[in-house]
Amino acid sequence: MISRTANPGMEVQGQYAGGTSPELFTIGSLDPVWAYADVYEVDLSRVKVGAPVSVKVVAYPDHTFPGRVEWISSALDPASRTARIRCTLRNPNHELLPEMYSTVSIATPARHTLAIPRSAIVHAGDERVVFVQTGSNENGLLRFERRRVVLEDSDSDPVPVKSGLAAGDPIVVSGALLMSGML
């Protein structure tokens, strides 16, 4: 990156002479480059310095630029509730340019948790419930019970479960809303 804020014929004065001391040049390198990204507060605990990243830019939609997280801000932006991170990317062909918009994907450790399909959840007032198979009656018909579950705030599908279910509990995953009208 090279920048110039003075032109031939301009008067340049130093700060001590009462001038504003314009910056004459900014010199930088395009290999490597830094990419900045914002990480939501809820995801911050999973992002670590050294984590691999994949960066995509609009100019090269079929190309992914690999890199690593080099720095994580120690403060949150109070308006967006995000922390700034800096990633270093190799740019040997100088395809990445300053001020390009990008999408940064950060590799995080796998998370093991119980999760259920969003279609299994019925919203009953303020509660979230699922229908769990509890066995069968003497005629061989299946029995179900309505069970309250506590879910993580997530837009993902499947939805992580905090409490209310155990691994292996058989639940209704399709038609749960219909079943709620029957019980």
N, C-alpha and C. Protein backbone atom coordinates (compact mmCIF):
# COMPACT_ATOMS: atom_id res chain seq x y z
N MET A 1 0.84 -1.15 0.00
CA MET A 1 0.00 0.00 0.00
C MET A 1 0.90 1.22 0.00
N ILE A 2 0.68 2.11 -0.93
CA ILE A 2 1.44 3.36 -1.00
C ILE A 2 0.44 4.49 -1.06
N SER A 3 0.68 5.53 -0.27
CA SER A 3 -0.24 6.65 -0.21
C SER A 3 0.54 7.95 -0.25
N ARG A 4 -0.09 8.99 -0.82
CA ARG A 4 0.56 10.30 -0.87
C ARG A 4 -0.50 11.35 -0.57
N THR A 5 -0.21 12.24 0.38
CA THR A 5 -1.16 13.29 0.68
C THR A 5 -0.59 14.67 0.38
N ALA A 6 0.51 14.73 -0.35
CA ALA A 6 1.09 16.01 -0.76
C ALA A 6 1.31 15.99 -2.26
N ASN A 7 1.14 17.11 -2.90
CA ASN A 7 1.32 17.24 -4.34
C ASN A 7 2.43 18.24 -4.63
N PRO A 8 3.05 18.15 -5.80
CA PRO A 8 4.09 19.13 -6.15
C PRO A 8 3.54 20.56 -6.06
N GLY A 9 4.33 21.45 -5.45
CA GLY A 9 3.94 22.84 -5.31
C GLY A 9 3.24 23.14 -4.00
N MET A 10 2.90 22.11 -3.24
CA MET A 10 2.27 22.35 -1.94
C MET A 10 3.29 22.87 -0.95
N GLU A 11 2.85 23.73 -0.06
CA GLU A 11 3.72 24.20 1.02
C GLU A 11 3.59 23.22 2.17
N VAL A 12 4.72 22.74 2.66
CA VAL A 12 4.75 21.79 3.76
C VAL A 12 5.48 22.42 4.92
N GLN A 13 4.82 22.47 6.07
CA GLN A 13 5.44 23.01 7.28
C GLN A 13 5.39 21.95 8.36
N GLY A 14 6.39 21.95 9.19
CA GLY A 14 6.42 21.02 10.31
C GLY A 14 5.47 21.47 11.41
N GLN A 15 5.19 20.59 12.32
CA GLN A 15 4.29 20.91 13.43
C GLN A 15 4.84 22.03 14.30
N TYR A 16 6.14 22.08 14.49
CA TYR A 16 6.74 23.10 15.36
C TYR A 16 6.66 24.49 14.74
N ALA A 17 6.47 24.58 13.43
CA ALA A 17 6.36 25.87 12.75
C ALA A 17 4.89 26.30 12.64
N GLY A 18 3.99 25.56 13.30
CA GLY A 18 2.58 25.91 13.26
C GLY A 18 1.82 25.24 12.14
N GLY A 19 2.45 24.36 11.38
CA GLY A 19 1.78 23.65 10.29
C GLY A 19 1.04 22.43 10.80
N THR A 20 0.37 21.77 9.90
CA THR A 20 -0.40 20.58 10.27
C THR A 20 0.34 19.29 10.00
N SER A 21 1.52 19.38 9.45
CA SER A 21 2.37 18.22 9.18
C SER A 21 1.62 17.11 8.46
N PRO A 22 1.27 17.31 7.16
CA PRO A 22 0.56 16.25 6.45
C PRO A 22 1.45 15.01 6.28
N GLU A 23 0.81 13.88 6.31
CA GLU A 23 1.54 12.63 6.09
C GLU A 23 1.90 12.56 4.62
N LEU A 24 3.18 12.46 4.32
CA LEU A 24 3.61 12.47 2.93
C LEU A 24 3.45 11.11 2.27
N PHE A 25 3.77 10.03 2.97
CA PHE A 25 3.65 8.71 2.38
C PHE A 25 3.25 7.69 3.44
N THR A 26 2.54 6.68 3.00
CA THR A 26 2.29 5.48 3.78
C THR A 26 2.77 4.34 2.91
N ILE A 27 3.70 3.57 3.41
CA ILE A 27 4.25 2.48 2.61
C ILE A 27 3.91 1.17 3.32
N GLY A 28 3.41 0.23 2.57
CA GLY A 28 3.04 -1.05 3.14
C GLY A 28 3.30 -2.16 2.16
N SER A 29 3.06 -3.38 2.62
CA SER A 29 3.27 -4.55 1.79
C SER A 29 1.93 -5.27 1.61
N LEU A 30 1.74 -5.89 0.46
CA LEU A 30 0.53 -6.66 0.22
C LEU A 30 0.74 -8.15 0.44
N ASP A 31 1.89 -8.53 0.97
CA ASP A 31 2.12 -9.93 1.31
C ASP A 31 2.97 -9.99 2.57
N PRO A 32 2.46 -10.37 3.67
CA PRO A 32 1.09 -10.80 3.94
C PRO A 32 0.16 -9.60 4.15
N VAL A 33 -1.16 -9.91 4.25
CA VAL A 33 -2.15 -8.87 4.55
C VAL A 33 -2.91 -9.26 5.81
N TRP A 34 -3.54 -8.27 6.40
CA TRP A 34 -4.38 -8.51 7.58
C TRP A 34 -5.83 -8.40 7.17
N ALA A 35 -6.63 -9.29 7.71
CA ALA A 35 -8.08 -9.21 7.56
C ALA A 35 -8.66 -9.04 8.95
N TYR A 36 -9.53 -8.07 9.10
CA TYR A 36 -10.20 -7.84 10.38
C TYR A 36 -11.61 -8.38 10.30
N ALA A 37 -12.09 -8.94 11.40
CA ALA A 37 -13.45 -9.47 11.47
C ALA A 37 -14.01 -9.19 12.86
N ASP A 38 -15.31 -9.21 12.96
CA ASP A 38 -16.00 -9.04 14.24
C ASP A 38 -16.61 -10.37 14.64
N VAL A 39 -16.38 -10.76 15.89
CA VAL A 39 -16.89 -12.02 16.42
C VAL A 39 -17.92 -11.69 17.50
N TYR A 40 -19.10 -12.27 17.40
CA TYR A 40 -20.14 -12.03 18.40
C TYR A 40 -19.70 -12.54 19.76
N GLU A 41 -20.16 -11.85 20.79
CA GLU A 41 -19.80 -12.18 22.17
C GLU A 41 -20.10 -13.64 22.51
N VAL A 42 -21.21 -14.16 22.02
CA VAL A 42 -21.61 -15.54 22.33
C VAL A 42 -20.62 -16.56 21.75
N ASP A 43 -19.92 -16.20 20.67
CA ASP A 43 -18.98 -17.12 20.03
C ASP A 43 -17.53 -16.90 20.46
N LEU A 44 -17.28 -15.86 21.22
CA LEU A 44 -15.92 -15.46 21.53
C LEU A 44 -15.12 -16.51 22.29
N SER A 45 -15.75 -17.26 23.17
CA SER A 45 -15.01 -18.25 23.98
C SER A 45 -14.45 -19.38 23.13
N ARG A 46 -14.98 -19.57 21.93
CA ARG A 46 -14.51 -20.67 21.07
C ARG A 46 -13.41 -20.25 20.11
N VAL A 47 -13.15 -18.94 20.00
CA VAL A 47 -12.13 -18.44 19.08
C VAL A 47 -10.81 -18.29 19.83
N LYS A 48 -9.74 -18.84 19.29
CA LYS A 48 -8.42 -18.81 19.93
C LYS A 48 -7.38 -18.25 18.97
N VAL A 49 -6.37 -17.59 19.54
CA VAL A 49 -5.24 -17.13 18.74
C VAL A 49 -4.58 -18.37 18.13
N GLY A 50 -4.25 -18.31 16.86
CA GLY A 50 -3.66 -19.44 16.15
C GLY A 50 -4.67 -20.29 15.40
N ALA A 51 -5.97 -20.03 15.63
CA ALA A 51 -7.00 -20.83 14.95
C ALA A 51 -6.95 -20.58 13.45
N PRO A 52 -7.10 -21.63 12.64
CA PRO A 52 -7.11 -21.45 11.19
C PRO A 52 -8.37 -20.72 10.73
N VAL A 53 -8.23 -19.90 9.71
CA VAL A 53 -9.37 -19.19 9.11
C VAL A 53 -9.37 -19.41 7.61
N SER A 54 -10.56 -19.26 7.03
CA SER A 54 -10.73 -19.28 5.57
C SER A 54 -11.43 -17.98 5.22
N VAL A 55 -10.85 -17.26 4.28
CA VAL A 55 -11.39 -15.95 3.90
C VAL A 55 -11.83 -16.01 2.44
N LYS A 56 -13.04 -15.51 2.18
CA LYS A 56 -13.56 -15.41 0.82
C LYS A 56 -13.88 -13.94 0.56
N VAL A 57 -13.57 -13.49 -0.66
CA VAL A 57 -13.88 -12.12 -1.06
C VAL A 57 -14.76 -12.16 -2.31
N VAL A 58 -15.52 -11.10 -2.51
CA VAL A 58 -16.46 -11.04 -3.63
C VAL A 58 -15.72 -11.10 -4.97
N ALA A 59 -14.55 -10.49 -5.03
CA ALA A 59 -13.80 -10.44 -6.30
C ALA A 59 -13.39 -11.82 -6.80
N TYR A 60 -13.16 -12.77 -5.90
CA TYR A 60 -12.73 -14.12 -6.27
C TYR A 60 -13.63 -15.14 -5.57
N PRO A 61 -14.86 -15.32 -6.04
CA PRO A 61 -15.81 -16.17 -5.32
C PRO A 61 -15.43 -17.65 -5.27
N ASP A 62 -14.58 -18.11 -6.19
CA ASP A 62 -14.20 -19.52 -6.21
C ASP A 62 -12.87 -19.78 -5.51
N HIS A 63 -12.32 -18.76 -4.88
CA HIS A 63 -11.01 -18.91 -4.24
C HIS A 63 -11.14 -18.63 -2.74
N THR A 64 -10.50 -19.47 -1.95
CA THR A 64 -10.47 -19.30 -0.50
C THR A 64 -9.04 -19.00 -0.09
N PHE A 65 -8.87 -18.00 0.74
CA PHE A 65 -7.56 -17.60 1.22
C PHE A 65 -7.39 -18.09 2.65
N PRO A 66 -6.42 -18.99 2.89
CA PRO A 66 -6.21 -19.49 4.25
C PRO A 66 -5.38 -18.53 5.09
N GLY A 67 -5.57 -18.59 6.38
CA GLY A 67 -4.79 -17.75 7.30
C GLY A 67 -4.96 -18.22 8.73
N ARG A 68 -4.53 -17.38 9.66
CA ARG A 68 -4.61 -17.71 11.10
C ARG A 68 -5.04 -16.48 11.88
N VAL A 69 -5.73 -16.72 13.00
CA VAL A 69 -6.07 -15.63 13.91
C VAL A 69 -4.79 -15.24 14.64
N GLU A 70 -4.43 -13.97 14.57
CA GLU A 70 -3.21 -13.48 15.20
C GLU A 70 -3.48 -12.65 16.45
N TRP A 71 -4.66 -12.06 16.54
CA TRP A 71 -4.95 -11.15 17.65
C TRP A 71 -6.45 -11.11 17.89
N ILE A 72 -6.84 -11.04 19.16
CA ILE A 72 -8.24 -10.90 19.56
C ILE A 72 -8.32 -9.71 20.49
N SER A 73 -9.21 -8.79 20.20
CA SER A 73 -9.36 -7.59 21.02
C SER A 73 -9.75 -7.96 22.45
N SER A 74 -9.29 -7.16 23.37
CA SER A 74 -9.62 -7.41 24.79
C SER A 74 -10.84 -6.60 25.22
N ALA A 75 -11.52 -5.96 24.28
CA ALA A 75 -12.71 -5.17 24.60
C ALA A 75 -13.79 -5.42 23.56
N LEU A 76 -15.05 -5.33 23.99
CA LEU A 76 -16.18 -5.48 23.09
C LEU A 76 -16.65 -4.12 22.60
N ASP A 77 -17.17 -4.10 21.38
CA ASP A 77 -17.83 -2.91 20.88
C ASP A 77 -19.20 -2.87 21.57
N PRO A 78 -19.50 -1.82 22.33
CA PRO A 78 -20.75 -1.82 23.10
C PRO A 78 -22.01 -1.77 22.23
N ALA A 79 -21.92 -1.25 21.03
CA ALA A 79 -23.09 -1.17 20.15
C ALA A 79 -23.40 -2.51 19.49
N SER A 80 -22.39 -3.17 18.95
CA SER A 80 -22.62 -4.42 18.21
C SER A 80 -22.41 -5.67 19.06
N ARG A 81 -21.85 -5.53 20.26
CA ARG A 81 -21.54 -6.66 21.15
C ARG A 81 -20.61 -7.67 20.46
N THR A 82 -19.62 -7.14 19.74
CA THR A 82 -18.64 -7.97 19.05
C THR A 82 -17.24 -7.58 19.47
N ALA A 83 -16.32 -8.51 19.30
CA ALA A 83 -14.90 -8.26 19.53
C ALA A 83 -14.19 -8.34 18.19
N ARG A 84 -13.23 -7.49 18.01
CA ARG A 84 -12.47 -7.43 16.76
C ARG A 84 -11.37 -8.48 16.80
N ILE A 85 -11.15 -9.18 15.70
CA ILE A 85 -10.02 -10.09 15.56
C ILE A 85 -9.22 -9.71 14.32
N ARG A 86 -7.95 -10.07 14.33
CA ARG A 86 -7.09 -9.81 13.16
C ARG A 86 -6.52 -11.14 12.71
N CYS A 87 -6.62 -11.39 11.40
CA CYS A 87 -6.09 -12.61 10.80
C CYS A 87 -4.99 -12.22 9.82
N THR A 88 -3.95 -13.03 9.76
CA THR A 88 -2.88 -12.81 8.80
C THR A 88 -3.03 -13.81 7.67
N LEU A 89 -3.01 -13.28 6.43
CA LEU A 89 -3.19 -14.11 5.24
C LEU A 89 -2.01 -13.94 4.30
N ARG A 90 -1.55 -15.04 3.73
CA ARG A 90 -0.54 -14.94 2.67
C ARG A 90 -1.23 -14.43 1.42
N ASN A 91 -0.53 -13.59 0.68
CA ASN A 91 -1.11 -12.97 -0.52
C ASN A 91 -0.03 -12.88 -1.60
N PRO A 92 0.55 -14.02 -2.02
CA PRO A 92 1.69 -13.98 -2.93
C PRO A 92 1.38 -13.38 -4.30
N ASN A 93 0.14 -13.50 -4.76
CA ASN A 93 -0.23 -12.96 -6.08
C ASN A 93 -0.85 -11.57 -5.98
N HIS A 94 -0.88 -11.03 -4.79
CA HIS A 94 -1.42 -9.70 -4.52
C HIS A 94 -2.87 -9.55 -5.00
N GLU A 95 -3.65 -10.61 -4.83
CA GLU A 95 -5.07 -10.58 -5.19
C GLU A 95 -5.89 -9.83 -4.15
N LEU A 96 -5.50 -9.96 -2.89
CA LEU A 96 -6.21 -9.27 -1.82
C LEU A 96 -5.72 -7.83 -1.74
N LEU A 97 -6.65 -6.90 -1.72
CA LEU A 97 -6.32 -5.48 -1.71
C LEU A 97 -6.91 -4.82 -0.47
N PRO A 98 -6.34 -3.71 -0.03
CA PRO A 98 -6.89 -3.01 1.13
C PRO A 98 -8.35 -2.63 0.91
N GLU A 99 -9.12 -2.71 1.98
CA GLU A 99 -10.54 -2.32 2.03
C GLU A 99 -11.49 -3.26 1.29
N MET A 100 -11.04 -4.45 0.90
CA MET A 100 -11.97 -5.43 0.31
C MET A 100 -12.87 -5.97 1.42
N TYR A 101 -14.13 -6.22 1.09
CA TYR A 101 -15.04 -6.87 2.02
C TYR A 101 -14.84 -8.37 1.90
N SER A 102 -14.93 -9.04 3.05
CA SER A 102 -14.68 -10.48 3.05
C SER A 102 -15.59 -11.18 4.04
N THR A 103 -15.67 -12.49 3.87
CA THR A 103 -16.34 -13.36 4.82
C THR A 103 -15.26 -14.23 5.43
N VAL A 104 -15.17 -14.20 6.76
CA VAL A 104 -14.13 -14.93 7.47
C VAL A 104 -14.78 -16.09 8.22
N SER A 105 -14.32 -17.31 7.95
CA SER A 105 -14.79 -18.50 8.67
C SER A 105 -13.65 -18.96 9.56
N ILE A 106 -13.95 -19.14 10.84
CA ILE A 106 -12.93 -19.51 11.82
C ILE A 106 -13.16 -20.95 12.24
N ALA A 107 -12.11 -21.76 12.18
CA ALA A 107 -12.20 -23.15 12.63
C ALA A 107 -12.16 -23.16 14.16
N THR A 108 -13.14 -23.80 14.76
CA THR A 108 -13.19 -23.90 16.22
C THR A 108 -13.25 -25.37 16.60
N PRO A 109 -12.88 -25.69 17.83
CA PRO A 109 -12.93 -27.09 18.25
C PRO A 109 -14.36 -27.63 18.16
N ALA A 110 -14.48 -28.90 17.84
CA ALA A 110 -15.80 -29.53 17.76
C ALA A 110 -16.46 -29.47 19.13
N ARG A 111 -17.76 -29.31 19.10
CA ARG A 111 -18.53 -29.20 20.33
C ARG A 111 -19.48 -30.39 20.41
N HIS A 112 -19.44 -31.11 21.51
CA HIS A 112 -20.31 -32.26 21.68
C HIS A 112 -21.45 -31.87 22.61
N THR A 113 -22.66 -31.91 22.06
CA THR A 113 -23.84 -31.55 22.85
C THR A 113 -25.05 -32.28 22.30
N LEU A 114 -26.05 -32.43 23.12
CA LEU A 114 -27.30 -33.02 22.70
C LEU A 114 -28.07 -31.97 21.90
N ALA A 115 -28.57 -32.33 20.75
CA ALA A 115 -29.32 -31.39 19.91
C ALA A 115 -30.50 -32.13 19.28
N ILE A 116 -31.56 -31.38 19.03
CA ILE A 116 -32.76 -31.97 18.45
C ILE A 116 -33.20 -31.14 17.24
N PRO A 117 -33.93 -31.76 16.30
CA PRO A 117 -34.41 -31.00 15.14
C PRO A 117 -35.39 -29.91 15.58
N ARG A 118 -35.35 -28.79 14.92
CA ARG A 118 -36.25 -27.67 15.23
C ARG A 118 -37.71 -28.10 15.07
N SER A 119 -37.99 -29.05 14.16
CA SER A 119 -39.36 -29.51 13.92
C SER A 119 -39.94 -30.27 15.11
N ALA A 120 -39.11 -30.71 16.05
CA ALA A 120 -39.58 -31.45 17.22
C ALA A 120 -40.08 -30.53 18.33
N ILE A 121 -39.80 -29.24 18.23
CA ILE A 121 -40.10 -28.29 19.31
C ILE A 121 -41.48 -27.67 19.10
N VAL A 122 -42.27 -27.68 20.18
CA VAL A 122 -43.57 -27.02 20.18
C VAL A 122 -43.49 -25.86 21.18
N HIS A 123 -43.93 -24.68 20.75
CA HIS A 123 -43.94 -23.51 21.62
C HIS A 123 -45.30 -23.45 22.31
N ALA A 124 -45.30 -23.66 23.62
CA ALA A 124 -46.53 -23.63 24.41
C ALA A 124 -46.41 -22.48 25.40
N GLY A 125 -46.89 -21.31 25.01
CA GLY A 125 -46.73 -20.12 25.85
C GLY A 125 -45.26 -19.75 25.91
N ASP A 126 -44.74 -19.64 27.12
CA ASP A 126 -43.33 -19.32 27.31
C ASP A 126 -42.45 -20.56 27.33
N GLU A 127 -43.07 -21.73 27.31
CA GLU A 127 -42.32 -22.98 27.40
C GLU A 127 -42.02 -23.55 26.02
N ARG A 128 -40.97 -24.34 25.97
CA ARG A 128 -40.65 -25.13 24.79
C ARG A 128 -40.79 -26.58 25.22
N VAL A 129 -41.57 -27.34 24.48
CA VAL A 129 -41.82 -28.73 24.85
C VAL A 129 -41.55 -29.65 23.67
N VAL A 130 -41.26 -30.90 24.00
CA VAL A 130 -41.15 -31.97 23.01
C VAL A 130 -41.98 -33.14 23.51
N PHE A 131 -42.28 -34.06 22.62
CA PHE A 131 -43.03 -35.25 23.00
C PHE A 131 -42.08 -36.44 22.99
N VAL A 132 -41.99 -37.08 24.16
CA VAL A 132 -41.06 -38.19 24.38
C VAL A 132 -41.86 -39.48 24.47
N GLN A 133 -41.41 -40.50 23.73
CA GLN A 133 -42.06 -41.81 23.80
C GLN A 133 -41.69 -42.46 25.12
N THR A 134 -42.71 -42.87 25.89
CA THR A 134 -42.47 -43.46 27.22
C THR A 134 -42.72 -44.96 27.26
N GLY A 135 -43.11 -45.53 26.15
CA GLY A 135 -43.38 -46.97 26.13
C GLY A 135 -44.63 -47.23 25.31
N SER A 136 -45.31 -48.36 25.63
CA SER A 136 -46.56 -48.68 24.92
C SER A 136 -47.55 -49.26 25.92
N ASN A 137 -48.81 -49.19 25.54
CA ASN A 137 -49.83 -49.76 26.44
C ASN A 137 -50.05 -51.23 26.11
N GLU A 138 -51.03 -51.85 26.78
CA GLU A 138 -51.27 -53.29 26.60
C GLU A 138 -51.76 -53.64 25.20
N ASN A 139 -52.27 -52.65 24.47
CA ASN A 139 -52.74 -52.89 23.09
C ASN A 139 -51.63 -52.67 22.07
N GLY A 140 -50.44 -52.31 22.52
CA GLY A 140 -49.33 -52.08 21.62
C GLY A 140 -49.25 -50.65 21.07
N LEU A 141 -50.16 -49.79 21.52
CA LEU A 141 -50.11 -48.39 21.09
C LEU A 141 -49.03 -47.64 21.86
N LEU A 142 -48.34 -46.76 21.19
CA LEU A 142 -47.25 -46.02 21.81
C LEU A 142 -47.79 -44.95 22.76
N ARG A 143 -47.05 -44.73 23.85
CA ARG A 143 -47.40 -43.69 24.82
C ARG A 143 -46.37 -42.56 24.70
N PHE A 144 -46.86 -41.35 24.83
CA PHE A 144 -45.99 -40.18 24.77
C PHE A 144 -46.29 -39.27 25.94
N GLU A 145 -45.28 -38.57 26.38
CA GLU A 145 -45.48 -37.54 27.40
C GLU A 145 -44.90 -36.23 26.90
N ARG A 146 -45.54 -35.18 27.32
CA ARG A 146 -45.09 -33.84 26.97
C ARG A 146 -44.01 -33.45 27.99
N ARG A 147 -42.82 -33.05 27.48
CA ARG A 147 -41.72 -32.73 28.37
C ARG A 147 -41.15 -31.35 28.05
N ARG A 148 -41.01 -30.54 29.09
CA ARG A 148 -40.43 -29.20 28.94
C ARG A 148 -38.92 -29.33 28.73
N VAL A 149 -38.39 -28.56 27.78
CA VAL A 149 -36.95 -28.56 27.52
C VAL A 149 -36.44 -27.12 27.59
N VAL A 150 -35.18 -26.99 27.97
CA VAL A 150 -34.50 -25.70 27.96
C VAL A 150 -33.49 -25.77 26.82
N LEU A 151 -33.58 -24.81 25.90
CA LEU A 151 -32.75 -24.82 24.70
C LEU A 151 -31.78 -23.65 24.72
N GLU A 152 -30.68 -23.80 24.01
CA GLU A 152 -29.75 -22.69 23.84
C GLU A 152 -30.37 -21.70 22.85
N ASP A 153 -30.07 -20.42 23.05
CA ASP A 153 -30.51 -19.42 22.08
C ASP A 153 -29.69 -19.62 20.83
N SER A 154 -30.33 -20.14 19.80
CA SER A 154 -29.61 -20.47 18.57
C SER A 154 -30.57 -20.46 17.41
N ASP A 155 -30.10 -20.00 16.27
CA ASP A 155 -30.89 -20.06 15.05
C ASP A 155 -30.56 -21.30 14.24
N SER A 156 -29.71 -22.16 14.80
CA SER A 156 -29.26 -23.34 14.06
C SER A 156 -30.32 -24.43 14.08
N ASP A 157 -30.16 -25.37 13.20
CA ASP A 157 -30.98 -26.57 13.18
C ASP A 157 -30.05 -27.73 12.91
N PRO A 158 -29.86 -28.63 13.82
CA PRO A 158 -30.59 -28.88 15.06
C PRO A 158 -30.27 -27.87 16.16
N VAL A 159 -31.14 -27.83 17.18
CA VAL A 159 -31.03 -26.87 18.28
C VAL A 159 -30.39 -27.56 19.49
N PRO A 160 -29.32 -26.98 20.06
CA PRO A 160 -28.71 -27.56 21.26
C PRO A 160 -29.65 -27.52 22.47
N VAL A 161 -29.69 -28.62 23.23
CA VAL A 161 -30.56 -28.75 24.40
C VAL A 161 -29.73 -28.59 25.66
N LYS A 162 -30.15 -27.68 26.55
CA LYS A 162 -29.47 -27.50 27.83
C LYS A 162 -29.96 -28.50 28.87
N SER A 163 -31.29 -28.69 28.94
CA SER A 163 -31.83 -29.65 29.91
C SER A 163 -33.22 -30.09 29.48
N GLY A 164 -33.68 -31.21 30.10
CA GLY A 164 -35.01 -31.73 29.82
C GLY A 164 -35.01 -33.04 29.06
N LEU A 165 -33.91 -33.35 28.39
CA LEU A 165 -33.79 -34.59 27.64
C LEU A 165 -32.46 -35.26 27.95
N ALA A 166 -32.43 -36.55 27.74
CA ALA A 166 -31.18 -37.30 27.86
C ALA A 166 -30.87 -37.91 26.50
N ALA A 167 -29.62 -38.21 26.28
CA ALA A 167 -29.23 -38.85 25.03
C ALA A 167 -29.98 -40.17 24.90
N GLY A 168 -30.53 -40.41 23.74
CA GLY A 168 -31.25 -41.66 23.50
C GLY A 168 -32.74 -41.59 23.75
N ASP A 169 -33.24 -40.50 24.35
CA ASP A 169 -34.69 -40.36 24.54
C ASP A 169 -35.36 -40.30 23.17
N PRO A 170 -36.33 -41.22 22.89
CA PRO A 170 -37.03 -41.16 21.59
C PRO A 170 -38.05 -40.03 21.60
N ILE A 171 -37.94 -39.11 20.63
CA ILE A 171 -38.85 -37.97 20.56
C ILE A 171 -39.55 -37.92 19.21
N VAL A 172 -40.67 -37.22 19.18
CA VAL A 172 -41.40 -37.00 17.94
C VAL A 172 -40.70 -35.87 17.20
N VAL A 173 -40.28 -36.13 15.95
CA VAL A 173 -39.57 -35.11 15.20
C VAL A 173 -40.40 -34.53 14.06
N SER A 174 -41.51 -35.16 13.75
CA SER A 174 -42.38 -34.67 12.68
C SER A 174 -43.82 -34.81 13.17
N GLY A 175 -44.61 -33.76 13.04
CA GLY A 175 -46.01 -33.82 13.48
C GLY A 175 -46.18 -33.49 14.94
N ALA A 176 -45.19 -32.89 15.57
CA ALA A 176 -45.28 -32.58 17.00
C ALA A 176 -46.40 -31.59 17.29
N LEU A 177 -46.62 -30.63 16.39
CA LEU A 177 -47.68 -29.65 16.59
C LEU A 177 -49.05 -30.33 16.55
N LEU A 178 -49.24 -31.25 15.63
CA LEU A 178 -50.47 -32.02 15.54
C LEU A 178 -50.68 -32.82 16.82
N MET A 179 -49.61 -33.43 17.32
CA MET A 179 -49.71 -34.23 18.53
C MET A 179 -50.07 -33.37 19.74
N SER A 180 -49.62 -32.13 19.76
CA SER A 180 -49.91 -31.26 20.92
C SER A 180 -51.41 -31.00 21.01
N GLY A 181 -52.14 -31.02 19.89
CA GLY A 181 -53.57 -30.86 19.91
C GLY A 181 -54.30 -32.12 20.35
N MET A 182 -53.64 -33.25 20.30
CA MET A 182 -54.25 -34.51 20.67
C MET A 182 -54.06 -34.85 22.14
N LEU A 183 -53.03 -34.29 22.77
CA LEU A 183 -52.76 -34.62 24.18
C LEU A 183 -53.23 -33.52 25.09
